[in-house]
Amino acid sequence: MITDNHIKTHHGHKAAYAALLSAAMVWGGSIVAQKIALGAFSAVEVSVFRGLGALVILLPMWWWQDTTNISWSAREIGVLSMLGIGVLGNHLLVLYGLHYIGAGAAGIIMGASPAITAFLSSLLLKEIPFKQVWVGCLLSFGGVACVSGMKPGSSMGDNPLLGGTLIVFALISWALYTIGSRRVMERLSPLTVNWTTLFISIILQLPLLWTDHKVLTAGLASIPVSGWIALAYVIIFATAIGQQAWLYGVSGIGASRAGMFVNLIPVSALFFSAIILAESIEVWDIIGIGLILLGVWLVNKSSLV
């Protein structure tokens, strides 16, 4: 017998899947947007400005929808602070990585995020036995090596090995954020977790502006129209909407299943990098994305056993 609760759960899952799909697609485009923005802004400036712009969007939404619960325990504040460090690590490491590797290659590496999340989940939470996921994780990491271990080229970047390594560390930060956010969202809403962790990450980055800045020296007049458009995309779609959609999806279906939607990031990133940045798609890109997706599929299959 189908009850109202079953119907609500089904619709809730559909909404969570739709939110995760949207997040993955806009994040693929955001890799290209961040690469463009780095031509006019420093990495720290992009990260701080995207955070401030997103807060302008998120805070009114939170005040309108979610101010019924604005008291947080000391433990929750501590958890949110740690999650803020995860946001900071993800944002900055991706941006610094894009200095050294092409946007398309970075997007392919990001496809390994579900394997990294499953790997860390198996070690930290023991939700999935490590022996069930290690083969898939190894294949995904092999795909990352195929992409980031290539010789430098116009599309690969000046130092793809260094850039790829920074992207992997960014994915580790995001995996820890995803794992940690699930538990705190048992009491706090995704919107609350989103803006608070974003705010904390901004506070932690402000001192870095003294050592890594472009616009603060050259002035706003130095920013081309393409730089403003790229930054606006990162603020509105990648940070405010994308991150909110991701947290909503994670709260609905869990971190492990949500991670599978990251598979779409390499596809959209390759598409946008080829169309907008004219980056070539090499045979090693195809091999790498194949290994990564095969590894993710094995991880997903093993986790369902």
C-alpha atoms as a PDB file:
ATOM      1  CA  MET A   1       0.000   0.000   0.000  1.00  0.00           C
ATOM      2  CA  ILE A   2       1.362   3.405  -0.991  1.00  0.00           C
ATOM      3  CA  THR A   3       1.020   5.910   1.845  1.00  0.00           C
ATOM      4  CA  ASP A   4       1.375   9.676   1.930  1.00  0.00           C
ATOM      5  CA  ASN A   5       4.787   9.228   3.563  1.00  0.00           C
ATOM      6  CA  HIS A   6       5.950   7.061   0.651  1.00  0.00           C
ATOM      7  CA  ILE A   7       4.795   9.700  -1.828  1.00  0.00           C
ATOM      8  CA  LYS A   8       6.509  12.478   0.106  1.00  0.00           C
ATOM      9  CA  THR A   9       9.721  10.459   0.320  1.00  0.00           C
ATOM     10  CA  HIS A  10       9.626   9.731  -3.419  1.00  0.00           C
ATOM     11  CA  HIS A  11       9.101  13.393  -4.275  1.00  0.00           C
ATOM     12  CA  GLY A  12      11.793  14.360  -1.772  1.00  0.00           C
ATOM     13  CA  HIS A  13      14.270  12.035  -3.446  1.00  0.00           C
ATOM     14  CA  LYS A  14      13.373  13.377  -6.885  1.00  0.00           C
ATOM     15  CA  ALA A  15      13.981  16.924  -5.662  1.00  0.00           C
ATOM     16  CA  ALA A  16      17.306  15.872  -4.129  1.00  0.00           C
ATOM     17  CA  TYR A  17      18.408  14.205  -7.384  1.00  0.00           C
ATOM     18  CA  ALA A  18      17.398  17.279  -9.396  1.00  0.00           C
ATOM     19  CA  ALA A  19      19.352  19.525  -7.019  1.00  0.00           C
ATOM     20  CA  LEU A  20      22.478  17.358  -7.276  1.00  0.00           C
ATOM     21  CA  LEU A  21      22.209  17.233 -11.068  1.00  0.00           C
ATOM     22  CA  SER A  22      22.024  21.022 -11.221  1.00  0.00           C
ATOM     23  CA  ALA A  23      24.980  21.419  -8.864  1.00  0.00           C
ATOM     24  CA  ALA A  24      27.182  19.057 -10.875  1.00  0.00           C
ATOM     25  CA  MET A  25      26.421  20.774 -14.172  1.00  0.00           C
ATOM     26  CA  VAL A  26      27.031  24.320 -12.947  1.00  0.00           C
ATOM     27  CA  TRP A  27      30.230  23.232 -11.202  1.00  0.00           C
ATOM     28  CA  GLY A  28      31.584  21.939 -14.495  1.00  0.00           C
ATOM     29  CA  GLY A  29      31.017  25.379 -15.986  1.00  0.00           C
ATOM     30  CA  SER A  30      32.455  27.053 -12.899  1.00  0.00           C
ATOM     31  CA  ILE A  31      35.851  25.473 -13.523  1.00  0.00           C
ATOM     32  CA  VAL A  32      36.047  27.358 -16.805  1.00  0.00           C
ATOM     33  CA  ALA A  33      34.676  30.524 -15.177  1.00  0.00           C
ATOM     34  CA  GLN A  34      37.309  30.368 -12.440  1.00  0.00           C
ATOM     35  CA  LYS A  35      40.045  29.903 -15.032  1.00  0.00           C
ATOM     36  CA  ILE A  36      38.845  33.058 -16.824  1.00  0.00           C
ATOM     37  CA  ALA A  37      38.490  35.010 -13.576  1.00  0.00           C
ATOM     38  CA  LEU A  38      42.094  34.218 -12.644  1.00  0.00           C
ATOM     39  CA  GLY A  39      43.207  36.373 -15.552  1.00  0.00           C
ATOM     40  CA  ALA A  40      41.989  39.479 -13.727  1.00  0.00           C
ATOM     41  CA  PHE A  41      41.856  38.454 -10.054  1.00  0.00           C
ATOM     42  CA  SER A  42      44.231  36.620  -7.746  1.00  0.00           C
ATOM     43  CA  ALA A  43      43.171  33.237  -6.390  1.00  0.00           C
ATOM     44  CA  VAL A  44      42.398  34.664  -2.944  1.00  0.00           C
ATOM     45  CA  GLU A  45      40.445  37.563  -4.452  1.00  0.00           C
ATOM     46  CA  VAL A  46      38.275  35.202  -6.501  1.00  0.00           C
ATOM     47  CA  SER A  47      37.638  33.057  -3.433  1.00  0.00           C
ATOM     48  CA  VAL A  48      36.836  36.006  -1.127  1.00  0.00           C
ATOM     49  CA  PHE A  49      34.716  37.891  -3.677  1.00  0.00           C
ATOM     50  CA  ARG A  50      32.742  34.769  -4.581  1.00  0.00           C
ATOM     51  CA  GLY A  51      32.064  34.155  -0.918  1.00  0.00           C
ATOM     52  CA  LEU A  52      30.972  37.720  -0.207  1.00  0.00           C
ATOM     53  CA  GLY A  53      28.765  37.794  -3.297  1.00  0.00           C
ATOM     54  CA  ALA A  54      27.165  34.490  -2.354  1.00  0.00           C
ATOM     55  CA  LEU A  55      26.458  35.728   1.175  1.00  0.00           C
ATOM     56  CA  VAL A  56      24.567  38.687  -0.272  1.00  0.00           C
ATOM     57  CA  ILE A  57      22.264  36.110  -1.888  1.00  0.00           C
ATOM     58  CA  LEU A  58      22.146  33.499   0.871  1.00  0.00           C
ATOM     59  CA  LEU A  59      21.659  35.646   3.974  1.00  0.00           C
ATOM     60  CA  PRO A  60      18.331  37.220   2.882  1.00  0.00           C
ATOM     61  CA  MET A  61      17.114  33.746   1.888  1.00  0.00           C
ATOM     62  CA  TRP A  62      18.091  32.387   5.296  1.00  0.00           C
ATOM     63  CA  TRP A  63      16.539  35.307   7.167  1.00  0.00           C
ATOM     64  CA  TRP A  64      13.300  34.839   5.274  1.00  0.00           C
ATOM     65  CA  GLN A  65      13.080  31.049   5.478  1.00  0.00           C
ATOM     66  CA  ASP A  66      15.078  29.742   8.391  1.00  0.00           C
ATOM     67  CA  THR A  67      15.471  32.128  11.336  1.00  0.00           C
ATOM     68  CA  THR A  68      13.289  29.977  13.587  1.00  0.00           C
ATOM     69  CA  ASN A  69      16.452  28.171  14.698  1.00  0.00           C
ATOM     70  CA  ILE A  70      19.297  30.584  15.263  1.00  0.00           C
ATOM     71  CA  SER A  71      20.762  29.102  18.455  1.00  0.00           C
ATOM     72  CA  TRP A  72      23.730  26.810  18.013  1.00  0.00           C
ATOM     73  CA  SER A  73      25.542  24.783  20.614  1.00  0.00           C
ATOM     74  CA  ALA A  74      29.275  25.152  21.198  1.00  0.00           C
ATOM     75  CA  ARG A  75      29.784  21.754  19.587  1.00  0.00           C
ATOM     76  CA  GLU A  76      27.839  22.789  16.476  1.00  0.00           C
ATOM     77  CA  ILE A  77      29.863  25.993  16.193  1.00  0.00           C
ATOM     78  CA  GLY A  78      33.021  23.907  16.382  1.00  0.00           C
ATOM     79  CA  VAL A  79      31.781  21.557  13.663  1.00  0.00           C
ATOM     80  CA  LEU A  80      30.732  24.478  11.450  1.00  0.00           C
ATOM     81  CA  SER A  81      34.182  26.027  11.917  1.00  0.00           C
ATOM     82  CA  MET A  82      35.850  22.814  10.781  1.00  0.00           C
ATOM     83  CA  LEU A  83      33.500  22.662   7.795  1.00  0.00           C
ATOM     84  CA  GLY A  84      34.443  26.259   7.004  1.00  0.00           C
ATOM     85  CA  ILE A  85      38.068  25.163   6.766  1.00  0.00           C
ATOM     86  CA  GLY A  86      36.937  22.483   4.316  1.00  0.00           C
ATOM     87  CA  VAL A  87      35.224  25.119   2.163  1.00  0.00           C
ATOM     88  CA  LEU A  88      38.337  27.305   2.278  1.00  0.00           C
ATOM     89  CA  GLY A  89      40.583  24.413   1.293  1.00  0.00           C
ATOM     90  CA  ASN A  90      38.354  23.406  -1.589  1.00  0.00           C
ATOM     91  CA  HIS A  91      37.954  26.899  -3.038  1.00  0.00           C
ATOM     92  CA  LEU A  92      41.585  27.998  -2.746  1.00  0.00           C
ATOM     93  CA  LEU A  93      43.204  24.731  -3.799  1.00  0.00           C
ATOM     94  CA  VAL A  94      41.058  24.539  -6.941  1.00  0.00           C
ATOM     95  CA  LEU A  95      41.980  28.116  -7.853  1.00  0.00           C
ATOM     96  CA  TYR A  96      45.690  27.622  -7.244  1.00  0.00           C
ATOM     97  CA  GLY A  97      45.540  24.340  -9.129  1.00  0.00           C
ATOM     98  CA  LEU A  98      44.005  26.087 -12.140  1.00  0.00           C
ATOM     99  CA  HIS A  99      47.147  28.226 -12.353  1.00  0.00           C
ATOM    100  CA  TYR A 100      49.033  25.109 -13.423  1.00  0.00           C
ATOM    101  CA  ILE A 101      46.534  22.847 -15.206  1.00  0.00           C
ATOM    102  CA  GLY A 102      43.908  23.326 -17.909  1.00  0.00           C
ATOM    103  CA  ALA A 103      40.233  23.657 -17.007  1.00  0.00           C
ATOM    104  CA  GLY A 104      39.222  20.516 -18.904  1.00  0.00           C
ATOM    105  CA  ALA A 105      41.904  18.402 -17.224  1.00  0.00           C
ATOM    106  CA  ALA A 106      40.934  19.818 -13.819  1.00  0.00           C
ATOM    107  CA  GLY A 107      37.323  18.876 -14.501  1.00  0.00           C
ATOM    108  CA  ILE A 108      38.315  15.313 -15.341  1.00  0.00           C
ATOM    109  CA  ILE A 109      40.241  14.976 -12.087  1.00  0.00           C
ATOM    110  CA  MET A 110      37.210  16.259 -10.181  1.00  0.00           C
ATOM    111  CA  GLY A 111      35.366  13.212 -11.446  1.00  0.00           C
ATOM    112  CA  ALA A 112      37.368  11.220  -8.891  1.00  0.00           C
ATOM    113  CA  SER A 113      35.571  13.010  -6.049  1.00  0.00           C
ATOM    114  CA  PRO A 114      33.064  10.173  -5.381  1.00  0.00           C
ATOM    115  CA  ALA A 115      35.909   7.667  -5.061  1.00  0.00           C
ATOM    116  CA  ILE A 116      37.750   9.973  -2.674  1.00  0.00           C
ATOM    117  CA  THR A 117      34.568  10.515  -0.645  1.00  0.00           C
ATOM    118  CA  ALA A 118      33.926   6.756  -0.468  1.00  0.00           C
ATOM    119  CA  PHE A 119      37.576   6.114   0.423  1.00  0.00           C
ATOM    120  CA  LEU A 120      37.492   8.580   3.316  1.00  0.00           C
ATOM    121  CA  SER A 121      34.037   7.401   4.396  1.00  0.00           C
ATOM    122  CA  SER A 122      35.329   3.841   4.630  1.00  0.00           C
ATOM    123  CA  LEU A 123      38.285   4.966   6.741  1.00  0.00           C
ATOM    124  CA  LEU A 124      36.558   7.531   8.971  1.00  0.00           C
ATOM    125  CA  LEU A 125      32.958   6.375   9.302  1.00  0.00           C
ATOM    126  CA  LYS A 126      33.316   2.674   8.521  1.00  0.00           C
ATOM    127  CA  GLU A 127      30.076   2.926   6.524  1.00  0.00           C
ATOM    128  CA  ILE A 128      31.595   0.936   3.678  1.00  0.00           C
ATOM    129  CA  PRO A 129      34.278  -1.752   4.253  1.00  0.00           C
ATOM    130  CA  PHE A 130      37.565  -0.635   2.686  1.00  0.00           C
ATOM    131  CA  LYS A 131      37.996  -4.013   0.970  1.00  0.00           C
ATOM    132  CA  GLN A 132      34.849  -3.316  -1.062  1.00  0.00           C
ATOM    133  CA  VAL A 133      36.010   0.005  -2.512  1.00  0.00           C
ATOM    134  CA  TRP A 134      39.795  -0.113  -2.819  1.00  0.00           C
ATOM    135  CA  VAL A 135      39.819  -1.455  -6.409  1.00  0.00           C
ATOM    136  CA  GLY A 136      37.483   1.276  -7.657  1.00  0.00           C
ATOM    137  CA  CYS A 137      39.442   3.925  -5.781  1.00  0.00           C
ATOM    138  CA  LEU A 138      42.692   2.672  -7.291  1.00  0.00           C
ATOM    139  CA  LEU A 139      41.272   2.861 -10.815  1.00  0.00           C
ATOM    140  CA  SER A 140      40.002   6.395 -10.241  1.00  0.00           C
ATOM    141  CA  PHE A 141      43.354   7.497  -8.869  1.00  0.00           C
ATOM    142  CA  GLY A 142      44.989   5.897 -11.905  1.00  0.00           C
ATOM    143  CA  GLY A 143      42.760   8.035 -14.104  1.00  0.00           C
ATOM    144  CA  VAL A 144      43.873  11.120 -12.186  1.00  0.00           C
ATOM    145  CA  ALA A 145      47.504  10.113 -12.784  1.00  0.00           C
ATOM    146  CA  CYS A 146      46.834   9.760 -16.529  1.00  0.00           C
ATOM    147  CA  VAL A 147      45.530  13.316 -16.731  1.00  0.00           C
ATOM    148  CA  SER A 148      47.847  15.128 -14.335  1.00  0.00           C
ATOM    149  CA  GLY A 149      50.956  13.183 -15.316  1.00  0.00           C
ATOM    150  CA  MET A 150      50.964  14.405 -18.908  1.00  0.00           C
ATOM    151  CA  LYS A 151      53.685  16.641 -20.315  1.00  0.00           C
ATOM    152  CA  PRO A 152      52.982  20.371 -20.211  1.00  0.00           C
ATOM    153  CA  GLY A 153      51.116  21.792 -23.140  1.00  0.00           C
ATOM    154  CA  SER A 154      48.880  24.707 -24.035  1.00  0.00           C
ATOM    155  CA  SER A 155      45.762  22.871 -22.939  1.00  0.00           C
ATOM    156  CA  MET A 156      47.260  20.883 -20.076  1.00  0.00           C
ATOM    157  CA  GLY A 157      48.837  23.888 -18.375  1.00  0.00           C
ATOM    158  CA  ASP A 158      52.353  24.786 -17.316  1.00  0.00           C
ATOM    159  CA  ASN A 159      52.666  22.130 -14.618  1.00  0.00           C
ATOM    160  CA  PRO A 160      49.801  19.619 -14.759  1.00  0.00           C
ATOM    161  CA  LEU A 161      51.345  17.383 -12.103  1.00  0.00           C
ATOM    162  CA  LEU A 162      51.396  20.183  -9.526  1.00  0.00           C
ATOM    163  CA  GLY A 163      48.005  21.489 -10.644  1.00  0.00           C
ATOM    164  CA  GLY A 164      46.488  18.018 -10.532  1.00  0.00           C
ATOM    165  CA  THR A 165      47.890  17.410  -7.051  1.00  0.00           C
ATOM    166  CA  LEU A 166      46.341  20.641  -5.770  1.00  0.00           C
ATOM    167  CA  ILE A 167      42.998  19.665  -7.315  1.00  0.00           C
ATOM    168  CA  VAL A 168      43.147  16.283  -5.551  1.00  0.00           C
ATOM    169  CA  PHE A 169      43.773  17.994  -2.202  1.00  0.00           C
ATOM    170  CA  ALA A 170      40.814  20.263  -2.970  1.00  0.00           C
ATOM    171  CA  LEU A 171      38.673  17.159  -3.506  1.00  0.00           C
ATOM    172  CA  ILE A 172      39.836  15.744  -0.175  1.00  0.00           C
ATOM    173  CA  SER A 173      38.738  18.982   1.502  1.00  0.00           C
ATOM    174  CA  TRP A 174      35.343  18.752  -0.193  1.00  0.00           C
ATOM    175  CA  ALA A 175      34.947  15.078   0.730  1.00  0.00           C
ATOM    176  CA  LEU A 176      35.575  15.901   4.388  1.00  0.00           C
ATOM    177  CA  TYR A 177      33.090  18.773   4.110  1.00  0.00           C
ATOM    178  CA  THR A 178      30.466  16.492   2.566  1.00  0.00           C
ATOM    179  CA  ILE A 179      30.965  13.799   5.203  1.00  0.00           C
ATOM    180  CA  GLY A 180      30.936  16.250   8.095  1.00  0.00           C
ATOM    181  CA  SER A 181      27.970  18.270   6.884  1.00  0.00           C
ATOM    182  CA  ARG A 182      25.615  15.292   6.840  1.00  0.00           C
ATOM    183  CA  ARG A 183      25.589  14.894  10.596  1.00  0.00           C
ATOM    184  CA  VAL A 184      25.277  18.584  11.446  1.00  0.00           C
ATOM    185  CA  MET A 185      22.358  18.851   9.011  1.00  0.00           C
ATOM    186  CA  GLU A 186      20.390  16.489  11.221  1.00  0.00           C
ATOM    187  CA  ARG A 187      19.506  19.613  13.211  1.00  0.00           C
ATOM    188  CA  LEU A 188      20.576  22.593  11.095  1.00  0.00           C
ATOM    189  CA  SER A 189      19.187  23.272   7.628  1.00  0.00           C
ATOM    190  CA  PRO A 190      21.366  23.069   4.492  1.00  0.00           C
ATOM    191  CA  LEU A 191      20.939  26.834   4.049  1.00  0.00           C
ATOM    192  CA  THR A 192      22.260  27.495   7.557  1.00  0.00           C
ATOM    193  CA  VAL A 193      25.236  25.196   7.052  1.00  0.00           C
ATOM    194  CA  ASN A 194      25.949  26.781   3.668  1.00  0.00           C
ATOM    195  CA  TRP A 195      26.138  30.419   4.721  1.00  0.00           C
ATOM    196  CA  THR A 196      27.824  29.844   8.077  1.00  0.00           C
ATOM    197  CA  THR A 197      30.628  27.695   6.650  1.00  0.00           C
ATOM    198  CA  LEU A 198      31.053  30.127   3.760  1.00  0.00           C
ATOM    199  CA  PHE A 199      31.257  33.054   6.185  1.00  0.00           C
ATOM    200  CA  ILE A 200      33.871  31.280   8.290  1.00  0.00           C
ATOM    201  CA  SER A 201      35.962  30.508   5.202  1.00  0.00           C
ATOM    202  CA  ILE A 202      35.906  34.197   4.196  1.00  0.00           C
ATOM    203  CA  ILE A 203      37.061  35.347   7.639  1.00  0.00           C
ATOM    204  CA  LEU A 204      39.969  32.905   7.508  1.00  0.00           C
ATOM    205  CA  GLN A 205      41.009  34.115   4.038  1.00  0.00           C
ATOM    206  CA  LEU A 206      40.977  37.872   4.655  1.00  0.00           C
ATOM    207  CA  PRO A 207      44.572  37.994   5.987  1.00  0.00           C
ATOM    208  CA  LEU A 208      45.739  36.220   2.805  1.00  0.00           C
ATOM    209  CA  LEU A 209      44.660  39.209   0.705  1.00  0.00           C
ATOM    210  CA  TRP A 210      47.769  41.044   1.899  1.00  0.00           C
ATOM    211  CA  THR A 211      50.011  38.487   0.206  1.00  0.00           C
ATOM    212  CA  ASP A 212      47.970  37.463  -2.862  1.00  0.00           C
ATOM    213  CA  HIS A 213      46.144  40.239  -4.699  1.00  0.00           C
ATOM    214  CA  LYS A 214      45.826  41.806  -8.147  1.00  0.00           C
ATOM    215  CA  VAL A 215      42.758  44.035  -8.177  1.00  0.00           C
ATOM    216  CA  LEU A 216      43.623  45.625  -4.837  1.00  0.00           C
ATOM    217  CA  THR A 217      46.755  46.978  -6.549  1.00  0.00           C
ATOM    218  CA  ALA A 218      45.632  47.550 -10.140  1.00  0.00           C
ATOM    219  CA  GLY A 219      42.128  48.823  -9.345  1.00  0.00           C
ATOM    220  CA  LEU A 220      38.673  47.852 -10.593  1.00  0.00           C
ATOM    221  CA  ALA A 221      39.294  49.507 -13.964  1.00  0.00           C
ATOM    222  CA  SER A 222      41.799  46.766 -14.774  1.00  0.00           C
ATOM    223  CA  ILE A 223      39.079  44.071 -14.818  1.00  0.00           C
ATOM    224  CA  PRO A 224      37.734  43.209 -18.288  1.00  0.00           C
ATOM    225  CA  VAL A 225      34.069  42.441 -18.907  1.00  0.00           C
ATOM    226  CA  SER A 226      34.893  38.738 -19.214  1.00  0.00           C
ATOM    227  CA  GLY A 227      36.383  38.824 -15.715  1.00  0.00           C
ATOM    228  CA  TRP A 228      33.213  40.322 -14.223  1.00  0.00           C
ATOM    229  CA  ILE A 229      31.007  37.803 -16.056  1.00  0.00           C
ATOM    230  CA  ALA A 230      33.159  34.889 -14.900  1.00  0.00           C
ATOM    231  CA  LEU A 231      33.134  36.106 -11.305  1.00  0.00           C
ATOM    232  CA  ALA A 232      29.361  36.613 -11.413  1.00  0.00           C
ATOM    233  CA  TYR A 233      28.885  33.051 -12.665  1.00  0.00           C
ATOM    234  CA  VAL A 234      31.064  31.686  -9.873  1.00  0.00           C
ATOM    235  CA  ILE A 235      29.197  33.733  -7.249  1.00  0.00           C
ATOM    236  CA  ILE A 236      25.633  33.077  -8.387  1.00  0.00           C
ATOM    237  CA  PHE A 237      25.735  29.581  -9.843  1.00  0.00           C
ATOM    238  CA  ALA A 238      28.756  27.781  -8.403  1.00  0.00           C
ATOM    239  CA  THR A 239      28.673  29.156  -4.862  1.00  0.00           C
ATOM    240  CA  ALA A 240      25.194  30.384  -3.912  1.00  0.00           C
ATOM    241  CA  ILE A 241      22.990  28.082  -5.995  1.00  0.00           C
ATOM    242  CA  GLY A 242      25.341  25.166  -6.608  1.00  0.00           C
ATOM    243  CA  GLN A 243      26.533  24.723  -3.034  1.00  0.00           C
ATOM    244  CA  GLN A 244      23.011  25.138  -1.670  1.00  0.00           C
ATOM    245  CA  ALA A 245      21.675  22.568  -4.147  1.00  0.00           C
ATOM    246  CA  TRP A 246      24.467  20.176  -3.203  1.00  0.00           C
ATOM    247  CA  LEU A 247      23.771  20.387   0.521  1.00  0.00           C
ATOM    248  CA  TYR A 248      20.049  19.950  -0.121  1.00  0.00           C
ATOM    249  CA  GLY A 249      20.761  16.814  -2.135  1.00  0.00           C
ATOM    250  CA  VAL A 250      23.167  15.405   0.464  1.00  0.00           C
ATOM    251  CA  SER A 251      20.578  15.933   3.206  1.00  0.00           C
ATOM    252  CA  GLY A 252      18.019  14.095   1.070  1.00  0.00           C
ATOM    253  CA  ILE A 253      19.863  10.995  -0.126  1.00  0.00           C
ATOM    254  CA  GLY A 254      23.170  10.914   1.766  1.00  0.00           C
ATOM    255  CA  ALA A 255      26.803  11.662   0.979  1.00  0.00           C
ATOM    256  CA  SER A 256      27.650   8.356  -0.716  1.00  0.00           C
ATOM    257  CA  ARG A 257      24.853   8.432  -3.308  1.00  0.00           C
ATOM    258  CA  ALA A 258      25.196  12.179  -3.767  1.00  0.00           C
ATOM    259  CA  GLY A 259      28.855  11.766  -4.674  1.00  0.00           C
ATOM    260  CA  MET A 260      27.909   9.861  -7.805  1.00  0.00           C
ATOM    261  CA  PHE A 261      26.576  13.043  -9.392  1.00  0.00           C
ATOM    262  CA  VAL A 262      30.090  14.453  -9.501  1.00  0.00           C
ATOM    263  CA  ASN A 263      30.523  12.147 -12.508  1.00  0.00           C
ATOM    264  CA  LEU A 264      28.856  14.841 -14.578  1.00  0.00           C
ATOM    265  CA  ILE A 265      31.474  17.471 -13.741  1.00  0.00           C
ATOM    266  CA  PRO A 266      34.164  16.086 -16.111  1.00  0.00           C
ATOM    267  CA  VAL A 267      31.666  15.949 -18.975  1.00  0.00           C
ATOM    268  CA  SER A 268      30.429  19.504 -18.549  1.00  0.00           C
ATOM    269  CA  ALA A 269      33.936  20.820 -17.801  1.00  0.00           C
ATOM    270  CA  LEU A 270      35.364  19.266 -20.978  1.00  0.00           C
ATOM    271  CA  PHE A 271      32.477  20.648 -23.010  1.00  0.00           C
ATOM    272  CA  PHE A 272      32.765  24.189 -21.668  1.00  0.00           C
ATOM    273  CA  SER A 273      36.576  24.246 -21.807  1.00  0.00           C
ATOM    274  CA  ALA A 274      36.540  23.148 -25.442  1.00  0.00           C
ATOM    275  CA  ILE A 275      33.819  25.617 -26.467  1.00  0.00           C
ATOM    276  CA  ILE A 276      34.866  28.654 -24.415  1.00  0.00           C
ATOM    277  CA  LEU A 277      38.621  28.241 -23.875  1.00  0.00           C
ATOM    278  CA  ALA A 278      39.348  26.272 -27.081  1.00  0.00           C
ATOM    279  CA  GLU A 279      41.221  23.644 -25.058  1.00  0.00           C
ATOM    280  CA  SER A 280      41.918  20.483 -27.018  1.00  0.00           C
ATOM    281  CA  ILE A 281      40.702  17.090 -25.811  1.00  0.00           C
ATOM    282  CA  GLU A 282      43.600  14.636 -25.825  1.00  0.00           C
ATOM    283  CA  VAL A 283      43.524  10.847 -25.912  1.00  0.00           C
ATOM    284  CA  TRP A 284      44.889  10.765 -22.350  1.00  0.00           C
ATOM    285  CA  ASP A 285      41.905  12.845 -21.288  1.00  0.00           C
ATOM    286  CA  ILE A 286      39.580  10.169 -22.627  1.00  0.00           C
ATOM    287  CA  ILE A 287      41.577   7.352 -21.001  1.00  0.00           C
ATOM    288  CA  GLY A 288      41.685   9.245 -17.714  1.00  0.00           C
ATOM    289  CA  ILE A 289      37.983   9.996 -17.618  1.00  0.00           C
ATOM    290  CA  GLY A 290      37.259   6.365 -18.558  1.00  0.00           C
ATOM    291  CA  LEU A 291      39.347   5.037 -15.656  1.00  0.00           C
ATOM    292  CA  ILE A 292      37.868   7.539 -13.229  1.00  0.00           C
ATOM    293  CA  LEU A 293      34.276   6.744 -14.169  1.00  0.00           C
ATOM    294  CA  LEU A 294      34.945   2.984 -14.155  1.00  0.00           C
ATOM    295  CA  GLY A 295      36.439   3.303 -10.691  1.00  0.00           C
ATOM    296  CA  VAL A 296      33.495   5.356  -9.470  1.00  0.00           C
ATOM    297  CA  TRP A 297      31.076   2.772 -10.911  1.00  0.00           C
ATOM    298  CA  LEU A 298      32.890  -0.021  -9.073  1.00  0.00           C
ATOM    299  CA  VAL A 299      32.859   1.969  -5.830  1.00  0.00           C
ATOM    300  CA  ASN A 300      29.119   2.589  -6.201  1.00  0.00           C
ATOM    301  CA  LYS A 301      28.423  -1.052  -7.051  1.00  0.00           C
ATOM    302  CA  SER A 302      30.508  -2.300  -4.120  1.00  0.00           C
ATOM    303  CA  SER A 303      28.871   0.101  -1.677  1.00  0.00           C
ATOM    304  CA  LEU A 304      25.447  -1.270  -2.544  1.00  0.00           C
ATOM    305  CA  VAL A 305      26.395  -4.888  -1.864  1.00  0.00           C
END
